[in-house]
PDB file of all heavy atoms in Angstrom:
ATOM      1  N   THR A   1      -4.747  -2.010   6.526  1.00  0.00           N
ATOM      2  CA  THR A   1      -5.446  -2.721   5.508  1.00  0.00           C
ATOM      3  C   THR A   1      -5.581  -1.726   4.283  1.00  0.00           C
ATOM      4  O   THR A   1      -5.603  -0.521   4.414  1.00  0.00           O
ATOM      5  CB  THR A   1      -6.826  -3.135   5.969  1.00  0.00           C
ATOM      6  OG1 THR A   1      -7.717  -1.937   6.116  1.00  0.00           O
ATOM      7  CG2 THR A   1      -6.730  -3.908   7.358  1.00  0.00           C
ATOM      8  N   GLY A   2      -5.849  -2.305   3.127  1.00  0.00           N
ATOM      9  CA  GLY A   2      -5.827  -1.448   1.913  1.00  0.00           C
ATOM     10  C   GLY A   2      -4.465  -0.883   1.660  1.00  0.00           C
ATOM     11  O   GLY A   2      -4.352   0.241   1.083  1.00  0.00           O
ATOM     12  N   ALA A   3      -3.395  -1.582   1.952  1.00  0.00           N
ATOM     13  CA  ALA A   3      -2.139  -1.022   1.879  1.00  0.00           C
ATOM     14  C   ALA A   3      -1.599  -0.739   0.436  1.00  0.00           C
ATOM     15  O   ALA A   3      -0.603  -0.046   0.236  1.00  0.00           O
ATOM     16  CB  ALA A   3      -1.062  -2.031   2.552  1.00  0.00           C
ATOM     17  N   ALA A   4      -2.279  -1.386  -0.559  1.00  0.00           N
ATOM     18  CA  ALA A   4      -1.880  -1.049  -1.980  1.00  0.00           C
ATOM     19  C   ALA A   4      -2.782   0.073  -2.474  1.00  0.00           C
ATOM     20  O   ALA A   4      -2.594   0.526  -3.634  1.00  0.00           O
ATOM     21  CB  ALA A   4      -2.052  -2.302  -2.796  1.00  0.00           C
ATOM     22  N   GLY A   5      -3.625   0.695  -1.624  1.00  0.00           N
ATOM     23  CA  GLY A   5      -4.482   1.713  -2.154  1.00  0.00           C
ATOM     24  C   GLY A   5      -3.778   3.071  -2.077  1.00  0.00           C
ATOM     25  O   GLY A   5      -2.631   3.143  -1.579  1.00  0.00           O
ATOM     26  N   PHE A   6      -4.492   4.080  -2.592  1.00  0.00           N
ATOM     27  CA  PHE A   6      -3.978   5.472  -2.613  1.00  0.00           C
ATOM     28  C   PHE A   6      -3.586   5.835  -1.283  1.00  0.00           C
ATOM     29  O   PHE A   6      -2.427   6.269  -0.935  1.00  0.00           O
ATOM     30  CB  PHE A   6      -5.010   6.295  -3.170  1.00  0.00           C
ATOM     31  CG  PHE A   6      -4.639   7.838  -3.221  1.00  0.00           C
ATOM     32  CD1 PHE A   6      -3.408   8.230  -3.398  1.00  0.00           C
ATOM     33  CD2 PHE A   6      -5.695   8.673  -3.269  1.00  0.00           C
ATOM     34  CE1 PHE A   6      -3.069   9.573  -3.450  1.00  0.00           C
ATOM     35  CE2 PHE A   6      -5.383  10.009  -3.360  1.00  0.00           C
ATOM     36  CZ  PHE A   6      -4.128  10.515  -3.427  1.00  0.00           C
ATOM     37  N   ILE A   7      -4.504   5.882  -0.135  1.00  0.00           N
ATOM     38  CA  ILE A   7      -4.171   6.346   1.123  1.00  0.00           C
ATOM     39  C   ILE A   7      -3.372   5.329   1.899  1.00  0.00           C
ATOM     40  O   ILE A   7      -2.431   5.680   2.613  1.00  0.00           O
ATOM     41  CB  ILE A   7      -5.490   6.753   1.798  1.00  0.00           C
ATOM     42  CG1 ILE A   7      -6.259   7.806   1.054  1.00  0.00           C
ATOM     43  CG2 ILE A   7      -5.168   7.293   3.284  1.00  0.00           C
ATOM     44  CD1 ILE A   7      -7.668   8.134   1.673  1.00  0.00           C
ATOM     45  N   GLY A   8      -3.773   4.095   1.785  1.00  0.00           N
ATOM     46  CA  GLY A   8      -2.998   3.044   2.491  1.00  0.00           C
ATOM     47  C   GLY A   8      -1.528   3.028   2.321  1.00  0.00           C
ATOM     48  O   GLY A   8      -0.738   2.835   3.243  1.00  0.00           O
ATOM     49  N   ALA A   9      -1.096   2.990   1.015  1.00  0.00           N
ATOM     50  CA  ALA A   9       0.381   2.994   0.681  1.00  0.00           C
ATOM     51  C   ALA A   9       1.007   4.228   1.210  1.00  0.00           C
ATOM     52  O   ALA A   9       2.068   4.097   1.751  1.00  0.00           O
ATOM     53  CB  ALA A   9       0.521   2.960  -0.786  1.00  0.00           C
ATOM     54  N   ALA A  10       0.323   5.410   1.113  1.00  0.00           N
ATOM     55  CA  ALA A  10       1.020   6.634   1.670  1.00  0.00           C
ATOM     56  C   ALA A  10       1.157   6.607   3.116  1.00  0.00           C
ATOM     57  O   ALA A  10       2.073   7.026   3.712  1.00  0.00           O
ATOM     58  CB  ALA A  10       0.195   7.876   1.199  1.00  0.00           C
ATOM     59  N   VAL A  11       0.115   6.043   3.826  1.00  0.00           N
ATOM     60  CA  VAL A  11       0.168   5.918   5.316  1.00  0.00           C
ATOM     61  C   VAL A  11       1.308   4.911   5.681  1.00  0.00           C
ATOM     62  O   VAL A  11       2.130   5.199   6.554  1.00  0.00           O
ATOM     63  CB  VAL A  11      -1.118   5.517   5.907  1.00  0.00           C
ATOM     64  CG1 VAL A  11      -1.021   5.090   7.429  1.00  0.00           C
ATOM     65  CG2 VAL A  11      -2.160   6.654   5.772  1.00  0.00           C
ATOM     66  N   ALA A  12       1.260   3.784   4.983  1.00  0.00           N
ATOM     67  CA  ALA A  12       2.358   2.890   5.348  1.00  0.00           C
ATOM     68  C   ALA A  12       3.823   3.387   5.148  1.00  0.00           C
ATOM     69  O   ALA A  12       4.702   3.159   5.971  1.00  0.00           O
ATOM     70  CB  ALA A  12       2.102   1.640   4.424  1.00  0.00           C
ATOM     71  N   GLU A  13       3.910   4.222   4.110  1.00  0.00           N
ATOM     72  CA  GLU A  13       5.295   4.626   3.845  1.00  0.00           C
ATOM     73  C   GLU A  13       5.732   5.684   4.962  1.00  0.00           C
ATOM     74  O   GLU A  13       6.833   5.658   5.460  1.00  0.00           O
ATOM     75  CB  GLU A  13       5.265   5.432   2.443  1.00  0.00           C
ATOM     76  CG  GLU A  13       6.658   6.091   2.168  1.00  0.00           C
ATOM     77  CD  GLU A  13       6.695   6.645   0.768  1.00  0.00           C
ATOM     78  OE1 GLU A  13       5.624   6.981   0.278  1.00  0.00           O
ATOM     79  OE2 GLU A  13       7.780   6.786   0.216  1.00  0.00           O
ATOM     80  N   ARG A  14       4.768   6.496   5.393  1.00  0.00           N
ATOM     81  CA  ARG A  14       5.112   7.522   6.411  1.00  0.00           C
ATOM     82  C   ARG A  14       5.407   6.687   7.759  1.00  0.00           C
ATOM     83  O   ARG A  14       6.371   7.196   8.514  1.00  0.00           O
ATOM     84  CB  ARG A  14       4.006   8.505   6.655  1.00  0.00           C
ATOM     85  CG  ARG A  14       3.829   9.588   5.602  1.00  0.00           C
ATOM     86  CD  ARG A  14       4.944  10.649   5.951  1.00  0.00           C
ATOM     87  NE  ARG A  14       4.683  11.208   7.248  1.00  0.00           N
ATOM     88  CZ  ARG A  14       3.886  12.189   7.487  1.00  0.00           C
ATOM     89  NH1 ARG A  14       3.019  12.666   6.498  1.00  0.00           N
ATOM     90  NH2 ARG A  14       3.766  12.660   8.688  1.00  0.00           N
ATOM     91  N   LEU A  15       4.644   5.701   8.017  1.00  0.00           N
ATOM     92  CA  LEU A  15       5.045   4.940   9.320  1.00  0.00           C
ATOM     93  C   LEU A  15       6.337   4.143   9.152  1.00  0.00           C
ATOM     94  O   LEU A  15       7.034   4.132  10.138  1.00  0.00           O
ATOM     95  CB  LEU A  15       3.796   4.079   9.485  1.00  0.00           C
ATOM     96  CG  LEU A  15       2.484   4.604   9.936  1.00  0.00           C
ATOM     97  CD1 LEU A  15       1.403   3.572   9.993  1.00  0.00           C
ATOM     98  CD2 LEU A  15       2.628   5.272  11.376  1.00  0.00           C
ATOM     99  N   LEU A  16       6.624   3.704   8.015  1.00  0.00           N
ATOM    100  CA  LEU A  16       7.893   3.057   7.905  1.00  0.00           C
ATOM    101  C   LEU A  16       9.053   4.062   8.044  1.00  0.00           C
ATOM    102  O   LEU A  16      10.125   3.742   8.602  1.00  0.00           O
ATOM    103  CB  LEU A  16       8.005   2.392   6.533  1.00  0.00           C
ATOM    104  CG  LEU A  16       7.219   1.154   6.207  1.00  0.00           C
ATOM    105  CD1 LEU A  16       7.132   0.776   4.884  1.00  0.00           C
ATOM    106  CD2 LEU A  16       7.726  -0.038   7.145  1.00  0.00           C
ATOM    107  N   GLN A  17       8.787   5.289   7.552  1.00  0.00           N
ATOM    108  CA  GLN A  17       9.842   6.309   7.726  1.00  0.00           C
ATOM    109  C   GLN A  17      10.206   6.706   9.136  1.00  0.00           C
ATOM    110  O   GLN A  17      11.321   6.944   9.459  1.00  0.00           O
ATOM    111  CB  GLN A  17       9.389   7.576   7.007  1.00  0.00           C
ATOM    112  CG  GLN A  17       9.405   7.546   5.470  1.00  0.00           C
ATOM    113  CD  GLN A  17       8.875   8.740   4.796  1.00  0.00           C
ATOM    114  OE1 GLN A  17       8.316   9.673   5.600  1.00  0.00           O
ATOM    115  NE2 GLN A  17       8.897   8.892   3.475  1.00  0.00           N
ATOM    116  N   ARG A  18       9.260   6.411  10.013  1.00  0.00           N
ATOM    117  CA  ARG A  18       9.531   6.756  11.384  1.00  0.00           C
ATOM    118  C   ARG A  18       9.947   5.518  12.177  1.00  0.00           C
ATOM    119  O   ARG A  18      10.050   5.450  13.427  1.00  0.00           O
ATOM    120  CB  ARG A  18       8.383   7.404  12.060  1.00  0.00           C
ATOM    121  CG  ARG A  18       7.230   6.627  12.421  1.00  0.00           C
ATOM    122  CD  ARG A  18       6.148   7.546  13.213  1.00  0.00           C
ATOM    123  NE  ARG A  18       5.144   6.722  13.797  1.00  0.00           N
ATOM    124  CZ  ARG A  18       4.183   7.233  14.484  1.00  0.00           C
ATOM    125  NH1 ARG A  18       3.934   8.544  14.511  1.00  0.00           N
ATOM    126  NH2 ARG A  18       3.268   6.449  15.096  1.00  0.00           N
ATOM    127  N   GLY A  19      10.221   4.365  11.468  1.00  0.00           N
ATOM    128  CA  GLY A  19      10.752   3.161  12.069  1.00  0.00           C
ATOM    129  C   GLY A  19       9.725   2.195  12.589  1.00  0.00           C
ATOM    130  O   GLY A  19      10.157   1.249  13.407  1.00  0.00           O
ATOM    131  N   GLU A  20       8.511   2.114  12.194  1.00  0.00           N
ATOM    132  CA  GLU A  20       7.456   1.228  12.582  1.00  0.00           C
ATOM    133  C   GLU A  20       7.585  -0.023  11.821  1.00  0.00           C
ATOM    134  O   GLU A  20       8.080  -0.038  10.712  1.00  0.00           O
ATOM    135  CB  GLU A  20       6.118   1.809  12.476  1.00  0.00           C
ATOM    136  CG  GLU A  20       5.805   3.154  13.062  1.00  0.00           C
ATOM    137  CD  GLU A  20       5.480   3.009  14.580  1.00  0.00           C
ATOM    138  OE1 GLU A  20       5.534   1.891  15.155  1.00  0.00           O
ATOM    139  OE2 GLU A  20       5.267   4.036  15.304  1.00  0.00           O
ATOM    140  N   ARG A  21       7.118  -1.164  12.399  1.00  0.00           N
ATOM    141  CA  ARG A  21       6.974  -2.397  11.827  1.00  0.00           C
ATOM    142  C   ARG A  21       5.449  -2.320  11.235  1.00  0.00           C
ATOM    143  O   ARG A  21       4.570  -2.062  11.962  1.00  0.00           O
ATOM    144  CB  ARG A  21       7.010  -3.547  12.663  1.00  0.00           C
ATOM    145  CG  ARG A  21       8.429  -3.977  13.067  1.00  0.00           C
ATOM    146  CD  ARG A  21       8.496  -5.123  14.069  1.00  0.00           C
ATOM    147  NE  ARG A  21       7.838  -6.260  13.308  1.00  0.00           N
ATOM    148  CZ  ARG A  21       7.110  -7.241  13.953  1.00  0.00           C
ATOM    149  NH1 ARG A  21       6.839  -7.154  15.288  1.00  0.00           N
ATOM    150  NH2 ARG A  21       6.651  -8.177  13.217  1.00  0.00           N
ATOM    151  N   ILE A  22       5.349  -2.524   9.830  1.00  0.00           N
ATOM    152  CA  ILE A  22       4.116  -2.498   9.255  1.00  0.00           C
ATOM    153  C   ILE A  22       3.762  -3.761   8.538  1.00  0.00           C
ATOM    154  O   ILE A  22       4.523  -4.397   7.830  1.00  0.00           O
ATOM    155  CB  ILE A  22       4.058  -1.358   8.184  1.00  0.00           C
ATOM    156  CG1 ILE A  22       4.496  -0.070   8.791  1.00  0.00           C
ATOM    157  CG2 ILE A  22       2.767  -1.319   7.465  1.00  0.00           C
ATOM    158  CD1 ILE A  22       3.560   0.452   9.850  1.00  0.00           C
ATOM    159  N   LEU A  23       2.566  -4.328   8.832  1.00  0.00           N
ATOM    160  CA  LEU A  23       1.925  -5.383   8.104  1.00  0.00           C
ATOM    161  C   LEU A  23       0.890  -4.915   7.265  1.00  0.00           C
ATOM    162  O   LEU A  23      -0.087  -4.420   7.702  1.00  0.00           O
ATOM    163  CB  LEU A  23       1.347  -6.375   9.178  1.00  0.00           C
ATOM    164  CG  LEU A  23       0.520  -7.553   8.549  1.00  0.00           C
ATOM    165  CD1 LEU A  23       1.329  -8.431   7.647  1.00  0.00           C
ATOM    166  CD2 LEU A  23      -0.118  -8.369   9.608  1.00  0.00           C
ATOM    167  N   GLY A  24       1.129  -4.918   5.874  1.00  0.00           N
ATOM    168  CA  GLY A  24       0.201  -4.403   4.934  1.00  0.00           C
ATOM    169  C   GLY A  24      -0.667  -5.561   4.422  1.00  0.00           C
ATOM    170  O   GLY A  24      -0.142  -6.633   4.158  1.00  0.00           O
ATOM    171  N   VAL A  25      -1.893  -5.372   4.257  1.00  0.00           N
ATOM    172  CA  VAL A  25      -2.892  -6.288   3.757  1.00  0.00           C
ATOM    173  C   VAL A  25      -3.757  -5.717   2.560  1.00  0.00           C
ATOM    174  O   VAL A  25      -4.139  -4.549   2.689  1.00  0.00           O
ATOM    175  CB  VAL A  25      -3.775  -6.772   4.802  1.00  0.00           C
ATOM    176  CG1 VAL A  25      -4.930  -7.692   4.186  1.00  0.00           C
ATOM    177  CG2 VAL A  25      -3.081  -7.628   5.897  1.00  0.00           C
ATOM    178  N   ASP A  26      -3.882  -6.388   1.489  1.00  0.00           N
ATOM    179  CA  ASP A  26      -4.739  -5.893   0.470  1.00  0.00           C
ATOM    180  C   ASP A  26      -4.989  -6.993  -0.483  1.00  0.00           C
ATOM    181  O   ASP A  26      -4.298  -8.048  -0.566  1.00  0.00           O
ATOM    182  CB  ASP A  26      -3.926  -4.940  -0.451  1.00  0.00           C
ATOM    183  CG  ASP A  26      -4.795  -3.934  -1.313  1.00  0.00           C
ATOM    184  OD1 ASP A  26      -5.497  -4.338  -2.166  1.00  0.00           O
ATOM    185  OD2 ASP A  26      -4.912  -2.675  -0.914  1.00  0.00           O
ATOM    186  N   ASN A  27      -6.194  -7.001  -1.047  1.00  0.00           N
ATOM    187  CA  ASN A  27      -6.539  -8.150  -1.949  1.00  0.00           C
ATOM    188  C   ASN A  27      -6.298  -7.839  -3.361  1.00  0.00           C
ATOM    189  O   ASN A  27      -6.497  -8.794  -4.247  1.00  0.00           O
ATOM    190  CB  ASN A  27      -8.043  -8.498  -1.761  1.00  0.00           C
ATOM    191  CG  ASN A  27      -9.047  -7.450  -2.212  1.00  0.00           C
ATOM    192  OD1 ASN A  27      -8.644  -6.308  -2.693  1.00  0.00           O
ATOM    193  ND2 ASN A  27     -10.319  -7.700  -2.111  1.00  0.00           N
ATOM    194  N   LEU A  28      -5.835  -6.632  -3.793  1.00  0.00           N
ATOM    195  CA  LEU A  28      -5.437  -6.276  -5.102  1.00  0.00           C
ATOM    196  C   LEU A  28      -6.511  -6.536  -6.184  1.00  0.00           C
ATOM    197  O   LEU A  28      -6.408  -7.074  -7.180  1.00  0.00           O
ATOM    198  CB  LEU A  28      -4.122  -7.018  -5.555  1.00  0.00           C
ATOM    199  CG  LEU A  28      -2.932  -6.805  -4.704  1.00  0.00           C
ATOM    200  CD1 LEU A  28      -1.693  -7.675  -5.232  1.00  0.00           C
ATOM    201  CD2 LEU A  28      -2.551  -5.342  -4.701  1.00  0.00           C
ATOM    202  N   ASN A  29      -7.791  -6.221  -5.747  1.00  0.00           N
ATOM    203  CA  ASN A  29      -8.890  -6.449  -6.597  1.00  0.00           C
ATOM    204  C   ASN A  29      -8.834  -5.638  -7.868  1.00  0.00           C
ATOM    205  O   ASN A  29      -8.080  -4.752  -7.953  1.00  0.00           O
ATOM    206  CB  ASN A  29     -10.285  -6.319  -5.905  1.00  0.00           C
ATOM    207  CG  ASN A  29     -10.574  -4.933  -5.498  1.00  0.00           C
ATOM    208  OD1 ASN A  29     -10.145  -3.928  -6.244  1.00  0.00           O
ATOM    209  ND2 ASN A  29     -11.371  -4.775  -4.496  1.00  0.00           N
ATOM    210  N   ARG A  30      -9.784  -5.950  -8.798  1.00  0.00           N
ATOM    211  CA  ARG A  30      -9.673  -5.237 -10.125  1.00  0.00           C
ATOM    212  C   ARG A  30     -10.706  -4.160 -10.364  1.00  0.00           C
ATOM    213  O   ARG A  30     -11.158  -3.876 -11.357  1.00  0.00           O
ATOM    214  CB  ARG A  30      -9.877  -6.382 -11.209  1.00  0.00           C
ATOM    215  CG  ARG A  30      -8.835  -7.511 -11.209  1.00  0.00           C
ATOM    216  CD  ARG A  30      -8.851  -8.298 -12.482  1.00  0.00           C
ATOM    217  NE  ARG A  30      -8.661  -7.437 -13.664  1.00  0.00           N
ATOM    218  CZ  ARG A  30      -7.380  -7.193 -14.112  1.00  0.00           C
ATOM    219  NH1 ARG A  30      -6.279  -7.750 -13.405  1.00  0.00           N
ATOM    220  NH2 ARG A  30      -7.152  -6.526 -15.171  1.00  0.00           N
ATOM    221  N   TYR A  31     -11.162  -3.550  -9.147  1.00  0.00           N
ATOM    222  CA  TYR A  31     -11.996  -2.368  -9.228  1.00  0.00           C
ATOM    223  C   TYR A  31     -11.338  -1.404 -10.155  1.00  0.00           C
ATOM    224  O   TYR A  31     -11.993  -0.682 -10.896  1.00  0.00           O
ATOM    225  CB  TYR A  31     -12.352  -1.868  -7.876  1.00  0.00           C
ATOM    226  CG  TYR A  31     -12.987  -0.517  -7.927  1.00  0.00           C
ATOM    227  CD1 TYR A  31     -14.352  -0.414  -8.459  1.00  0.00           C
ATOM    228  CD2 TYR A  31     -12.476   0.636  -7.443  1.00  0.00           C
ATOM    229  CE1 TYR A  31     -15.032   0.755  -8.510  1.00  0.00           C
ATOM    230  CE2 TYR A  31     -13.070   1.877  -7.393  1.00  0.00           C
ATOM    231  CZ  TYR A  31     -14.331   1.932  -8.080  1.00  0.00           C
ATOM    232  OH  TYR A  31     -15.023   3.120  -8.048  1.00  0.00           O
ATOM    233  N   TYR A  32      -9.992  -1.139 -10.039  1.00  0.00           N
ATOM    234  CA  TYR A  32      -9.252  -0.365 -11.005  1.00  0.00           C
ATOM    235  C   TYR A  32      -7.918  -1.206 -11.134  1.00  0.00           C
ATOM    236  O   TYR A  32      -7.611  -2.078 -10.431  1.00  0.00           O
ATOM    237  CB  TYR A  32      -9.030   1.031 -10.633  1.00  0.00           C
ATOM    238  CG  TYR A  32      -8.291   1.319  -9.319  1.00  0.00           C
ATOM    239  CD1 TYR A  32      -6.877   1.319  -9.310  1.00  0.00           C
ATOM    240  CD2 TYR A  32      -8.954   1.715  -8.164  1.00  0.00           C
ATOM    241  CE1 TYR A  32      -6.171   1.504  -8.151  1.00  0.00           C
ATOM    242  CE2 TYR A  32      -8.274   1.946  -6.945  1.00  0.00           C
ATOM    243  CZ  TYR A  32      -6.789   1.915  -7.024  1.00  0.00           C
ATOM    244  OH  TYR A  32      -6.170   2.213  -5.809  1.00  0.00           O
ATOM    245  N   ASP A  33      -7.170  -0.748 -12.291  1.00  0.00           N
ATOM    246  CA  ASP A  33      -5.990  -1.479 -12.617  1.00  0.00           C
ATOM    247  C   ASP A  33      -5.096  -1.932 -11.550  1.00  0.00           C
ATOM    248  O   ASP A  33      -4.463  -1.047 -10.872  1.00  0.00           O
ATOM    249  CB  ASP A  33      -5.230  -0.578 -13.639  1.00  0.00           C
ATOM    250  CG  ASP A  33      -4.084  -1.353 -14.385  1.00  0.00           C
ATOM    251  OD1 ASP A  33      -3.870  -2.522 -13.914  1.00  0.00           O
ATOM    252  OD2 ASP A  33      -3.494  -0.746 -15.273  1.00  0.00           O
ATOM    253  N   PRO A  34      -4.891  -3.197 -11.234  1.00  0.00           N
ATOM    254  CA  PRO A  34      -3.978  -3.642 -10.140  1.00  0.00           C
ATOM    255  C   PRO A  34      -2.527  -3.167 -10.475  1.00  0.00           C
ATOM    256  O   PRO A  34      -1.846  -3.210  -9.514  1.00  0.00           O
ATOM    257  CB  PRO A  34      -4.246  -5.243 -10.246  1.00  0.00           C
ATOM    258  CG  PRO A  34      -5.463  -5.420 -10.803  1.00  0.00           C
ATOM    259  CD  PRO A  34      -5.626  -4.377 -11.855  1.00  0.00           C
ATOM    260  N   ALA A  35      -2.130  -2.888 -11.734  1.00  0.00           N
ATOM    261  CA  ALA A  35      -0.844  -2.527 -11.985  1.00  0.00           C
ATOM    262  C   ALA A  35      -0.469  -1.240 -11.171  1.00  0.00           C
ATOM    263  O   ALA A  35       0.625  -1.005 -10.698  1.00  0.00           O
ATOM    264  CB  ALA A  35      -0.567  -2.183 -13.515  1.00  0.00           C
ATOM    265  N   LEU A  36      -1.432  -0.351 -10.998  1.00  0.00           N
ATOM    266  CA  LEU A  36      -1.207   0.901 -10.179  1.00  0.00           C
ATOM    267  C   LEU A  36      -0.980   0.506  -8.718  1.00  0.00           C
ATOM    268  O   LEU A  36      -0.029   1.021  -8.086  1.00  0.00           O
ATOM    269  CB  LEU A  36      -2.316   1.858 -10.300  1.00  0.00           C
ATOM    270  CG  LEU A  36      -2.164   3.116  -9.430  1.00  0.00           C
ATOM    271  CD1 LEU A  36      -0.942   3.833  -9.780  1.00  0.00           C
ATOM    272  CD2 LEU A  36      -3.501   4.016  -9.669  1.00  0.00           C
ATOM    273  N   LYS A  37      -1.708  -0.519  -8.189  1.00  0.00           N
ATOM    274  CA  LYS A  37      -1.589  -0.938  -6.883  1.00  0.00           C
ATOM    275  C   LYS A  37      -0.259  -1.640  -6.608  1.00  0.00           C
ATOM    276  O   LYS A  37       0.443  -1.364  -5.595  1.00  0.00           O
ATOM    277  CB  LYS A  37      -2.678  -1.914  -6.529  1.00  0.00           C
ATOM    278  CG  LYS A  37      -4.180  -1.325  -6.648  1.00  0.00           C
ATOM    279  CD  LYS A  37      -5.148  -2.273  -6.398  1.00  0.00           C
ATOM    280  CE  LYS A  37      -6.562  -1.780  -6.667  1.00  0.00           C
ATOM    281  NZ  LYS A  37      -7.586  -2.657  -6.319  1.00  0.00           N
ATOM    282  N   ARG A  38       0.216  -2.426  -7.639  1.00  0.00           N
ATOM    283  CA  ARG A  38       1.452  -2.995  -7.483  1.00  0.00           C
ATOM    284  C   ARG A  38       2.611  -2.036  -7.602  1.00  0.00           C
ATOM    285  O   ARG A  38       3.646  -2.235  -6.924  1.00  0.00           O
ATOM    286  CB  ARG A  38       1.610  -4.147  -8.566  1.00  0.00           C
ATOM    287  CG  ARG A  38       0.673  -5.257  -8.452  1.00  0.00           C
ATOM    288  CD  ARG A  38       1.029  -6.461  -9.358  1.00  0.00           C
ATOM    289  NE  ARG A  38       0.050  -7.528  -9.250  1.00  0.00           N
ATOM    290  CZ  ARG A  38      -0.969  -7.652 -10.051  1.00  0.00           C
ATOM    291  NH1 ARG A  38      -1.232  -6.870 -11.093  1.00  0.00           N
ATOM    292  NH2 ARG A  38      -1.766  -8.748  -9.908  1.00  0.00           N
ATOM    293  N   ALA A  39       2.454  -1.010  -8.329  1.00  0.00           N
ATOM    294  CA  ALA A  39       3.480   0.058  -8.463  1.00  0.00           C
ATOM    295  C   ALA A  39       3.663   0.780  -7.032  1.00  0.00           C
ATOM    296  O   ALA A  39       4.732   1.128  -6.645  1.00  0.00           O
ATOM    297  CB  ALA A  39       3.160   1.092  -9.600  1.00  0.00           C
ATOM    298  N   ARG A  40       2.440   1.003  -6.423  1.00  0.00           N
ATOM    299  CA  ARG A  40       2.601   1.521  -5.124  1.00  0.00           C
ATOM    300  C   ARG A  40       3.323   0.590  -4.145  1.00  0.00           C
ATOM    301  O   ARG A  40       4.232   1.102  -3.368  1.00  0.00           O
ATOM    302  CB  ARG A  40       1.153   1.873  -4.557  1.00  0.00           C
ATOM    303  CG  ARG A  40       0.353   2.930  -5.348  1.00  0.00           C
ATOM    304  CD  ARG A  40      -0.932   3.185  -4.512  1.00  0.00           C
ATOM    305  NE  ARG A  40      -1.879   4.045  -5.355  1.00  0.00           N
ATOM    306  CZ  ARG A  40      -3.073   3.632  -5.676  1.00  0.00           C
ATOM    307  NH1 ARG A  40      -3.487   2.426  -5.497  1.00  0.00           N
ATOM    308  NH2 ARG A  40      -3.857   4.476  -6.363  1.00  0.00           N
ATOM    309  N   LEU A  41       2.977  -0.589  -4.220  1.00  0.00           N
ATOM    310  CA  LEU A  41       3.610  -1.608  -3.248  1.00  0.00           C
ATOM    311  C   LEU A  41       5.200  -1.684  -3.544  1.00  0.00           C
ATOM    312  O   LEU A  41       5.981  -1.796  -2.651  1.00  0.00           O
ATOM    313  CB  LEU A  41       2.996  -3.045  -3.402  1.00  0.00           C
ATOM    314  CG  LEU A  41       1.562  -3.122  -2.893  1.00  0.00           C
ATOM    315  CD1 LEU A  41       0.999  -4.554  -3.196  1.00  0.00           C
ATOM    316  CD2 LEU A  41       1.560  -2.897  -1.362  1.00  0.00           C
ATOM    317  N   ALA A  42       5.530  -1.511  -4.758  1.00  0.00           N
ATOM    318  CA  ALA A  42       6.880  -1.659  -5.152  1.00  0.00           C
ATOM    319  C   ALA A  42       7.791  -0.599  -4.475  1.00  0.00           C
ATOM    320  O   ALA A  42       8.980  -0.793  -4.205  1.00  0.00           O
ATOM    321  CB  ALA A  42       7.021  -1.559  -6.667  1.00  0.00           C
ATOM    322  N   LEU A  43       7.139   0.565  -4.119  1.00  0.00           N
ATOM    323  CA  LEU A  43       7.856   1.706  -3.490  1.00  0.00           C
ATOM    324  C   LEU A  43       8.124   1.208  -1.975  1.00  0.00           C
ATOM    325  O   LEU A  43       8.944   1.924  -1.330  1.00  0.00           O
ATOM    326  CB  LEU A  43       7.064   2.914  -3.382  1.00  0.00           C
ATOM    327  CG  LEU A  43       6.728   3.547  -4.868  1.00  0.00           C
ATOM    328  CD1 LEU A  43       5.777   4.732  -4.680  1.00  0.00           C
ATOM    329  CD2 LEU A  43       7.920   3.935  -5.551  1.00  0.00           C
TER     330      LEU A  43
END
């Protein structure tokens, strides 16, 4: 959860690198610019 967030995206990436299946969930709220969240997801 929080997969588009700072820590969430980084954790998801590391888990994918070791071959895990990852289900990411995030609401992309506007507490700060969603463009940064989408840029993390794009990776």
